[in-house]
């Protein structure tokens, strides 16, 4: 006997197929063991940083489909436009021109940082952003004396490479962001540093183990390197909420990839 087709189920499947097509992704990527057995890889859009890129890709795909333009989704996905916006500094320039529009004042952020300092905690900031952008953004968000809150500030850290590449040394920046050439034998409060690596960071500071709590908001840049889980405690912040504070062994990263932040 033929089974009756469920209109609601068919409608959901058609909508799912449409969304997959707009995203330029074959539904085959989600079906079967390929995703777990080293088959075709698929980039995961899983954080707030991905929203603009997802929107852009969807709009361009939609335009091509509606205008019957033949294209290969792979070429579109691998276009360097999004990367160029970051590498060439255009994004930073646009934000700096209108900080009020793009960056919120962080009264709560300042209160938390100030409380930690007053309770004897040592704070550090490690970011991939350049000095000028960090300085202007933090002054707008926290205040002109924001650097007094941190024992260490490291810019253009090149995460996630920062966690694994031992070859990149720390470089010192002067107060205007100009790169200096002296060898770094210690990391000092009040000074700005560029690049470096996790291993030198731990060696020069003497910090490590459960005494260090690292807050990250990007799954790949901050948390994807399994070796770091043996060294420091981690806290993953999602949707402005400190979701989990835990120490993850390398084996638990599989759980993270499948949607469970920590067990």
C-alpha atoms as a PDB file:
ATOM      1  CA  UNK A   1       0.000   0.000   0.000  1.00  0.00           C
ATOM      2  CA  UNK A   2       1.382   3.405  -0.959  1.00  0.00           C
ATOM      3  CA  UNK A   3       2.129   5.716   1.937  1.00  0.00           C
ATOM      4  CA  UNK A   4       0.446   9.085   2.094  1.00  0.00           C
ATOM      5  CA  UNK A   5       2.740  12.049   1.676  1.00  0.00           C
ATOM      6  CA  UNK A   6       2.682  14.499   4.526  1.00  0.00           C
ATOM      7  CA  UNK A   7       2.289  18.028   3.026  1.00  0.00           C
ATOM      8  CA  UNK A   8       3.838  19.647   6.100  1.00  0.00           C
ATOM      9  CA  UNK A   9       6.859  17.346   5.948  1.00  0.00           C
ATOM     10  CA  UNK A  10       7.266  17.935   2.214  1.00  0.00           C
ATOM     11  CA  UNK A  11       7.057  21.673   2.782  1.00  0.00           C
ATOM     12  CA  UNK A  12       9.793  21.560   5.421  1.00  0.00           C
ATOM     13  CA  UNK A  13      12.027  19.436   3.194  1.00  0.00           C
ATOM     14  CA  UNK A  14      11.567  21.835   0.279  1.00  0.00           C
ATOM     15  CA  UNK A  15      12.343  24.834   2.477  1.00  0.00           C
ATOM     16  CA  UNK A  16      15.432  23.068   3.851  1.00  0.00           C
ATOM     17  CA  UNK A  17      16.579  22.285   0.299  1.00  0.00           C
ATOM     18  CA  UNK A  18      16.031  25.909  -0.733  1.00  0.00           C
ATOM     19  CA  UNK A  19      18.074  27.244   2.171  1.00  0.00           C
ATOM     20  CA  UNK A  20      20.850  24.780   1.444  1.00  0.00           C
ATOM     21  CA  UNK A  21      20.889  25.880  -2.192  1.00  0.00           C
ATOM     22  CA  UNK A  22      20.999  29.551  -1.219  1.00  0.00           C
ATOM     23  CA  UNK A  23      23.951  28.798   1.032  1.00  0.00           C
ATOM     24  CA  UNK A  24      25.680  27.024  -1.844  1.00  0.00           C
ATOM     25  CA  UNK A  25      25.985  23.791   0.140  1.00  0.00           C
ATOM     26  CA  UNK A  26      25.050  20.307  -0.969  1.00  0.00           C
ATOM     27  CA  UNK A  27      22.791  18.483   1.469  1.00  0.00           C
ATOM     28  CA  UNK A  28      25.053  15.477   0.932  1.00  0.00           C
ATOM     29  CA  UNK A  29      27.539  17.146   3.257  1.00  0.00           C
ATOM     30  CA  UNK A  30      25.150  16.498   6.160  1.00  0.00           C
ATOM     31  CA  UNK A  31      24.188  12.930   5.293  1.00  0.00           C
ATOM     32  CA  UNK A  32      26.036   9.691   5.928  1.00  0.00           C
ATOM     33  CA  UNK A  33      29.424   9.045   7.493  1.00  0.00           C
ATOM     34  CA  UNK A  34      31.414  11.401   5.251  1.00  0.00           C
ATOM     35  CA  UNK A  35      31.333  14.229   7.749  1.00  0.00           C
ATOM     36  CA  UNK A  36      32.938  12.006  10.393  1.00  0.00           C
ATOM     37  CA  UNK A  37      35.337   9.917   8.312  1.00  0.00           C
ATOM     38  CA  UNK A  38      37.569  12.442   6.636  1.00  0.00           C
ATOM     39  CA  UNK A  39      35.268  13.062   3.652  1.00  0.00           C
ATOM     40  CA  UNK A  40      34.583  16.468   2.106  1.00  0.00           C
ATOM     41  CA  UNK A  41      35.045  19.176   4.714  1.00  0.00           C
ATOM     42  CA  UNK A  42      32.570  21.962   5.323  1.00  0.00           C
ATOM     43  CA  UNK A  43      33.230  25.240   7.070  1.00  0.00           C
ATOM     44  CA  UNK A  44      31.113  25.708  10.164  1.00  0.00           C
ATOM     45  CA  UNK A  45      29.446  29.061  10.733  1.00  0.00           C
ATOM     46  CA  UNK A  46      28.858  28.989  14.455  1.00  0.00           C
ATOM     47  CA  UNK A  47      29.470  32.397  16.022  1.00  0.00           C
ATOM     48  CA  UNK A  48      28.454  36.030  15.757  1.00  0.00           C
ATOM     49  CA  UNK A  49      31.498  36.818  13.593  1.00  0.00           C
ATOM     50  CA  UNK A  50      30.024  34.584  10.890  1.00  0.00           C
ATOM     51  CA  UNK A  51      26.703  36.431  10.562  1.00  0.00           C
ATOM     52  CA  UNK A  52      27.897  39.088   8.061  1.00  0.00           C
ATOM     53  CA  UNK A  53      29.687  36.480   5.945  1.00  0.00           C
ATOM     54  CA  UNK A  54      26.650  34.170   5.977  1.00  0.00           C
ATOM     55  CA  UNK A  55      24.392  37.059   4.968  1.00  0.00           C
ATOM     56  CA  UNK A  56      26.703  38.095   2.149  1.00  0.00           C
ATOM     57  CA  UNK A  57      26.999  34.568   0.775  1.00  0.00           C
ATOM     58  CA  UNK A  58      23.234  34.043   0.944  1.00  0.00           C
ATOM     59  CA  UNK A  59      22.481  37.338  -0.829  1.00  0.00           C
ATOM     60  CA  UNK A  60      24.950  36.690  -3.631  1.00  0.00           C
ATOM     61  CA  UNK A  61      23.698  33.120  -4.095  1.00  0.00           C
ATOM     62  CA  UNK A  62      20.126  34.408  -4.138  1.00  0.00           C
ATOM     63  CA  UNK A  63      21.023  37.004  -6.772  1.00  0.00           C
ATOM     64  CA  UNK A  64      22.673  34.418  -9.032  1.00  0.00           C
ATOM     65  CA  UNK A  65      19.717  32.033  -8.735  1.00  0.00           C
ATOM     66  CA  UNK A  66      17.040  34.694  -9.338  1.00  0.00           C
ATOM     67  CA  UNK A  67      18.883  35.984 -12.420  1.00  0.00           C
ATOM     68  CA  UNK A  68      19.638  32.489 -13.771  1.00  0.00           C
ATOM     69  CA  UNK A  69      23.392  33.080 -13.608  1.00  0.00           C
ATOM     70  CA  UNK A  70      25.380  29.872 -13.761  1.00  0.00           C
ATOM     71  CA  UNK A  71      28.078  29.678 -11.107  1.00  0.00           C
ATOM     72  CA  UNK A  72      30.070  27.303  -8.970  1.00  0.00           C
ATOM     73  CA  UNK A  73      29.357  27.840  -5.237  1.00  0.00           C
ATOM     74  CA  UNK A  74      32.916  26.770  -4.447  1.00  0.00           C
ATOM     75  CA  UNK A  75      34.334  29.751  -6.360  1.00  0.00           C
ATOM     76  CA  UNK A  76      32.044  32.112  -4.502  1.00  0.00           C
ATOM     77  CA  UNK A  77      32.814  30.621  -1.110  1.00  0.00           C
ATOM     78  CA  UNK A  78      36.576  30.776  -1.736  1.00  0.00           C
ATOM     79  CA  UNK A  79      36.494  34.388  -2.896  1.00  0.00           C
ATOM     80  CA  UNK A  80      38.968  36.509  -0.928  1.00  0.00           C
ATOM     81  CA  UNK A  81      36.712  39.532  -0.430  1.00  0.00           C
ATOM     82  CA  UNK A  82      35.876  38.845   3.234  1.00  0.00           C
ATOM     83  CA  UNK A  83      39.511  38.119   4.064  1.00  0.00           C
ATOM     84  CA  UNK A  84      40.697  41.240   2.247  1.00  0.00           C
ATOM     85  CA  UNK A  85      38.403  43.448   4.307  1.00  0.00           C
ATOM     86  CA  UNK A  86      40.278  42.301   7.420  1.00  0.00           C
ATOM     87  CA  UNK A  87      43.811  42.024   6.048  1.00  0.00           C
ATOM     88  CA  UNK A  88      43.787  45.402   4.303  1.00  0.00           C
ATOM     89  CA  UNK A  89      42.335  47.115   7.373  1.00  0.00           C
ATOM     90  CA  UNK A  90      39.188  48.435   5.669  1.00  0.00           C
ATOM     91  CA  UNK A  91      36.892  47.046   8.362  1.00  0.00           C
ATOM     92  CA  UNK A  92      38.901  48.705  11.129  1.00  0.00           C
ATOM     93  CA  UNK A  93      38.840  52.064   9.320  1.00  0.00           C
ATOM     94  CA  UNK A  94      35.070  51.943   8.819  1.00  0.00           C
ATOM     95  CA  UNK A  95      34.429  51.174  12.486  1.00  0.00           C
ATOM     96  CA  UNK A  96      36.863  53.820  13.725  1.00  0.00           C
ATOM     97  CA  UNK A  97      35.017  56.460  11.700  1.00  0.00           C
ATOM     98  CA  UNK A  98      31.820  55.872  13.675  1.00  0.00           C
ATOM     99  CA  UNK A  99      32.571  54.213  17.022  1.00  0.00           C
ATOM    100  CA  UNK A 100      29.195  55.235  18.439  1.00  0.00           C
ATOM    101  CA  UNK A 101      27.432  53.188  15.780  1.00  0.00           C
ATOM    102  CA  UNK A 102      29.467  50.006  16.038  1.00  0.00           C
ATOM    103  CA  UNK A 103      30.842  49.776  19.602  1.00  0.00           C
ATOM    104  CA  UNK A 104      28.796  49.991  22.791  1.00  0.00           C
ATOM    105  CA  UNK A 105      30.021  51.788  25.880  1.00  0.00           C
ATOM    106  CA  UNK A 106      31.017  49.073  28.324  1.00  0.00           C
ATOM    107  CA  UNK A 107      30.018  50.295  31.783  1.00  0.00           C
ATOM    108  CA  UNK A 108      29.443  46.699  32.873  1.00  0.00           C
ATOM    109  CA  UNK A 109      32.724  45.636  31.292  1.00  0.00           C
ATOM    110  CA  UNK A 110      34.633  48.298  33.176  1.00  0.00           C
ATOM    111  CA  UNK A 111      32.911  47.327  36.436  1.00  0.00           C
ATOM    112  CA  UNK A 112      33.903  43.662  36.032  1.00  0.00           C
ATOM    113  CA  UNK A 113      37.511  44.464  35.064  1.00  0.00           C
ATOM    114  CA  UNK A 114      37.884  46.956  37.895  1.00  0.00           C
ATOM    115  CA  UNK A 115      36.510  44.473  40.421  1.00  0.00           C
ATOM    116  CA  UNK A 116      38.957  41.798  39.279  1.00  0.00           C
ATOM    117  CA  UNK A 117      41.880  44.214  39.589  1.00  0.00           C
ATOM    118  CA  UNK A 118      40.758  45.345  43.046  1.00  0.00           C
ATOM    119  CA  UNK A 119      40.695  41.699  44.116  1.00  0.00           C
ATOM    120  CA  UNK A 120      44.318  41.180  43.127  1.00  0.00           C
ATOM    121  CA  UNK A 121      43.770  39.429  39.794  1.00  0.00           C
ATOM    122  CA  UNK A 122      46.241  39.918  36.945  1.00  0.00           C
ATOM    123  CA  UNK A 123      44.558  40.587  33.624  1.00  0.00           C
ATOM    124  CA  UNK A 124      45.816  40.147  30.078  1.00  0.00           C
ATOM    125  CA  UNK A 125      44.349  40.942  26.679  1.00  0.00           C
ATOM    126  CA  UNK A 126      45.305  38.898  23.606  1.00  0.00           C
ATOM    127  CA  UNK A 127      43.714  40.027  20.339  1.00  0.00           C
ATOM    128  CA  UNK A 128      44.258  39.674  16.609  1.00  0.00           C
ATOM    129  CA  UNK A 129      43.326  43.308  16.037  1.00  0.00           C
ATOM    130  CA  UNK A 130      45.978  46.007  15.418  1.00  0.00           C
ATOM    131  CA  UNK A 131      47.118  48.504  18.044  1.00  0.00           C
ATOM    132  CA  UNK A 132      45.280  51.612  16.795  1.00  0.00           C
ATOM    133  CA  UNK A 133      41.950  49.832  16.536  1.00  0.00           C
ATOM    134  CA  UNK A 134      42.291  48.241  19.985  1.00  0.00           C
ATOM    135  CA  UNK A 135      43.360  51.509  21.612  1.00  0.00           C
ATOM    136  CA  UNK A 136      40.536  53.576  20.114  1.00  0.00           C
ATOM    137  CA  UNK A 137      37.942  50.895  20.719  1.00  0.00           C
ATOM    138  CA  UNK A 138      38.909  50.288  24.344  1.00  0.00           C
ATOM    139  CA  UNK A 139      39.065  54.009  25.101  1.00  0.00           C
ATOM    140  CA  UNK A 140      35.549  54.345  23.737  1.00  0.00           C
ATOM    141  CA  UNK A 141      34.241  51.269  25.539  1.00  0.00           C
ATOM    142  CA  UNK A 142      36.100  51.286  28.875  1.00  0.00           C
ATOM    143  CA  UNK A 143      37.827  54.654  29.219  1.00  0.00           C
ATOM    144  CA  UNK A 144      41.077  56.450  28.392  1.00  0.00           C
ATOM    145  CA  UNK A 145      42.951  54.642  31.178  1.00  0.00           C
ATOM    146  CA  UNK A 146      41.932  51.168  30.006  1.00  0.00           C
ATOM    147  CA  UNK A 147      45.540  49.975  29.817  1.00  0.00           C
ATOM    148  CA  UNK A 148      45.924  50.446  33.571  1.00  0.00           C
ATOM    149  CA  UNK A 149      43.499  47.548  34.052  1.00  0.00           C
ATOM    150  CA  UNK A 150      45.715  45.046  32.218  1.00  0.00           C
ATOM    151  CA  UNK A 151      49.066  43.598  33.187  1.00  0.00           C
ATOM    152  CA  UNK A 152      49.690  42.556  29.582  1.00  0.00           C
ATOM    153  CA  UNK A 153      48.286  43.666  26.231  1.00  0.00           C
ATOM    154  CA  UNK A 154      49.152  41.673  23.102  1.00  0.00           C
ATOM    155  CA  UNK A 155      47.895  42.807  19.691  1.00  0.00           C
ATOM    156  CA  UNK A 156      48.030  41.124  16.272  1.00  0.00           C
ATOM    157  CA  UNK A 157      48.566  37.833  18.079  1.00  0.00           C
ATOM    158  CA  UNK A 158      47.681  35.796  14.989  1.00  0.00           C
ATOM    159  CA  UNK A 159      45.400  33.355  16.809  1.00  0.00           C
ATOM    160  CA  UNK A 160      45.021  30.414  16.537  1.00  0.00           C
ATOM    161  CA  UNK A 161      48.668  30.231  15.411  1.00  0.00           C
ATOM    162  CA  UNK A 162      49.555  31.984  18.677  1.00  0.00           C
ATOM    163  CA  UNK A 163      48.777  28.747  20.522  1.00  0.00           C
ATOM    164  CA  UNK A 164      50.966  26.426  18.432  1.00  0.00           C
ATOM    165  CA  UNK A 165      53.723  28.319  16.596  1.00  0.00           C
ATOM    166  CA  UNK A 166      56.774  28.620  18.851  1.00  0.00           C
ATOM    167  CA  UNK A 167      58.796  30.516  16.248  1.00  0.00           C
ATOM    168  CA  UNK A 168      57.089  33.911  16.478  1.00  0.00           C
ATOM    169  CA  UNK A 169      58.741  36.075  19.150  1.00  0.00           C
ATOM    170  CA  UNK A 170      57.116  38.906  21.028  1.00  0.00           C
ATOM    171  CA  UNK A 171      57.769  42.385  19.647  1.00  0.00           C
ATOM    172  CA  UNK A 172      57.343  45.559  21.667  1.00  0.00           C
ATOM    173  CA  UNK A 173      55.341  48.571  20.509  1.00  0.00           C
ATOM    174  CA  UNK A 174      55.880  52.109  21.747  1.00  0.00           C
ATOM    175  CA  UNK A 175      52.970  54.261  22.961  1.00  0.00           C
ATOM    176  CA  UNK A 176      52.124  55.290  19.385  1.00  0.00           C
ATOM    177  CA  UNK A 177      52.101  51.741  18.064  1.00  0.00           C
ATOM    178  CA  UNK A 178      55.493  51.834  16.334  1.00  0.00           C
ATOM    179  CA  UNK A 179      57.291  48.488  16.306  1.00  0.00           C
ATOM    180  CA  UNK A 180      60.518  48.272  18.324  1.00  0.00           C
ATOM    181  CA  UNK A 181      63.510  46.010  17.703  1.00  0.00           C
ATOM    182  CA  UNK A 182      64.801  45.099  21.165  1.00  0.00           C
ATOM    183  CA  UNK A 183      64.779  41.490  22.313  1.00  0.00           C
ATOM    184  CA  UNK A 184      61.990  40.659  24.746  1.00  0.00           C
ATOM    185  CA  UNK A 185      63.275  38.895  27.870  1.00  0.00           C
ATOM    186  CA  UNK A 186      60.270  39.739  30.042  1.00  0.00           C
ATOM    187  CA  UNK A 187      56.730  40.983  29.594  1.00  0.00           C
ATOM    188  CA  UNK A 188      56.103  44.187  31.534  1.00  0.00           C
ATOM    189  CA  UNK A 189      52.915  45.855  32.656  1.00  0.00           C
ATOM    190  CA  UNK A 190      52.057  49.056  30.839  1.00  0.00           C
ATOM    191  CA  UNK A 191      53.744  48.049  27.599  1.00  0.00           C
ATOM    192  CA  UNK A 192      52.174  46.847  24.380  1.00  0.00           C
ATOM    193  CA  UNK A 193      53.368  43.717  22.588  1.00  0.00           C
ATOM    194  CA  UNK A 194      52.755  42.211  19.164  1.00  0.00           C
ATOM    195  CA  UNK A 195      52.497  38.557  18.036  1.00  0.00           C
ATOM    196  CA  UNK A 196      54.466  36.156  20.250  1.00  0.00           C
ATOM    197  CA  UNK A 197      53.272  32.678  21.172  1.00  0.00           C
ATOM    198  CA  UNK A 198      51.643  30.840  24.049  1.00  0.00           C
ATOM    199  CA  UNK A 199      54.794  29.000  25.095  1.00  0.00           C
ATOM    200  CA  UNK A 200      56.844  32.186  25.533  1.00  0.00           C
ATOM    201  CA  UNK A 201      53.844  33.814  27.192  1.00  0.00           C
ATOM    202  CA  UNK A 202      53.752  31.116  29.875  1.00  0.00           C
ATOM    203  CA  UNK A 203      57.525  31.047  30.242  1.00  0.00           C
ATOM    204  CA  UNK A 204      57.976  34.818  30.586  1.00  0.00           C
ATOM    205  CA  UNK A 205      55.036  35.336  32.940  1.00  0.00           C
ATOM    206  CA  UNK A 206      55.317  32.187  35.026  1.00  0.00           C
ATOM    207  CA  UNK A 207      51.552  31.822  34.750  1.00  0.00           C
ATOM    208  CA  UNK A 208      49.923  28.506  33.901  1.00  0.00           C
ATOM    209  CA  UNK A 209      47.671  25.657  34.860  1.00  0.00           C
ATOM    210  CA  UNK A 210      44.391  26.226  36.639  1.00  0.00           C
ATOM    211  CA  UNK A 211      45.623  29.606  37.892  1.00  0.00           C
ATOM    212  CA  UNK A 212      44.977  31.080  34.431  1.00  0.00           C
ATOM    213  CA  UNK A 213      41.423  31.525  33.166  1.00  0.00           C
ATOM    214  CA  UNK A 214      41.190  32.399  29.466  1.00  0.00           C
ATOM    215  CA  UNK A 215      37.952  33.909  28.127  1.00  0.00           C
ATOM    216  CA  UNK A 216      37.350  33.329  24.419  1.00  0.00           C
ATOM    217  CA  UNK A 217      34.387  34.127  22.173  1.00  0.00           C
ATOM    218  CA  UNK A 218      35.518  32.493  18.919  1.00  0.00           C
ATOM    219  CA  UNK A 219      35.499  28.716  18.644  1.00  0.00           C
ATOM    220  CA  UNK A 220      38.362  28.483  16.162  1.00  0.00           C
ATOM    221  CA  UNK A 221      40.616  31.429  16.977  1.00  0.00           C
ATOM    222  CA  UNK A 222      40.368  30.889  20.732  1.00  0.00           C
ATOM    223  CA  UNK A 223      39.407  27.293  21.398  1.00  0.00           C
ATOM    224  CA  UNK A 224      40.127  25.068  18.403  1.00  0.00           C
ATOM    225  CA  UNK A 225      43.702  24.168  19.305  1.00  0.00           C
ATOM    226  CA  UNK A 226      43.529  21.091  21.487  1.00  0.00           C
ATOM    227  CA  UNK A 227      47.004  21.474  22.960  1.00  0.00           C
ATOM    228  CA  UNK A 228      45.997  24.618  24.826  1.00  0.00           C
ATOM    229  CA  UNK A 229      43.466  22.641  26.866  1.00  0.00           C
ATOM    230  CA  UNK A 230      46.255  20.982  28.805  1.00  0.00           C
ATOM    231  CA  UNK A 231      47.745  24.318  29.814  1.00  0.00           C
ATOM    232  CA  UNK A 232      45.083  26.781  30.882  1.00  0.00           C
ATOM    233  CA  UNK A 233      41.487  26.849  32.010  1.00  0.00           C
ATOM    234  CA  UNK A 234      38.990  28.078  29.470  1.00  0.00           C
ATOM    235  CA  UNK A 235      35.755  29.992  29.511  1.00  0.00           C
ATOM    236  CA  UNK A 236      33.665  30.199  26.352  1.00  0.00           C
ATOM    237  CA  UNK A 237      31.454  33.282  26.057  1.00  0.00           C
ATOM    238  CA  UNK A 238      28.415  32.949  23.812  1.00  0.00           C
ATOM    239  CA  UNK A 239      25.770  35.616  23.293  1.00  0.00           C
ATOM    240  CA  UNK A 240      27.359  37.819  25.955  1.00  0.00           C
ATOM    241  CA  UNK A 241      26.935  35.052  28.536  1.00  0.00           C
ATOM    242  CA  UNK A 242      29.753  33.189  30.227  1.00  0.00           C
ATOM    243  CA  UNK A 243      28.341  29.812  29.275  1.00  0.00           C
ATOM    244  CA  UNK A 244      30.941  27.435  30.663  1.00  0.00           C
ATOM    245  CA  UNK A 245      34.010  27.538  32.860  1.00  0.00           C
ATOM    246  CA  UNK A 246      35.943  24.328  32.559  1.00  0.00           C
ATOM    247  CA  UNK A 247      39.182  22.568  31.770  1.00  0.00           C
ATOM    248  CA  UNK A 248      38.932  20.563  28.576  1.00  0.00           C
ATOM    249  CA  UNK A 249      41.206  17.617  27.727  1.00  0.00           C
ATOM    250  CA  UNK A 250      42.079  17.316  24.064  1.00  0.00           C
ATOM    251  CA  UNK A 251      39.729  14.354  23.606  1.00  0.00           C
ATOM    252  CA  UNK A 252      36.738  16.492  24.560  1.00  0.00           C
ATOM    253  CA  UNK A 253      37.172  18.682  21.491  1.00  0.00           C
ATOM    254  CA  UNK A 254      35.189  16.125  19.495  1.00  0.00           C
ATOM    255  CA  UNK A 255      32.256  16.865  21.766  1.00  0.00           C
ATOM    256  CA  UNK A 256      32.724  20.588  21.128  1.00  0.00           C
ATOM    257  CA  UNK A 257      32.713  20.055  17.374  1.00  0.00           C
ATOM    258  CA  UNK A 258      29.408  18.212  17.674  1.00  0.00           C
ATOM    259  CA  UNK A 259      27.766  21.002  19.610  1.00  0.00           C
ATOM    260  CA  UNK A 260      28.503  20.171  23.240  1.00  0.00           C
ATOM    261  CA  UNK A 261      30.742  22.876  24.674  1.00  0.00           C
ATOM    262  CA  UNK A 262      31.788  20.907  27.734  1.00  0.00           C
ATOM    263  CA  UNK A 263      30.853  17.752  29.550  1.00  0.00           C
END
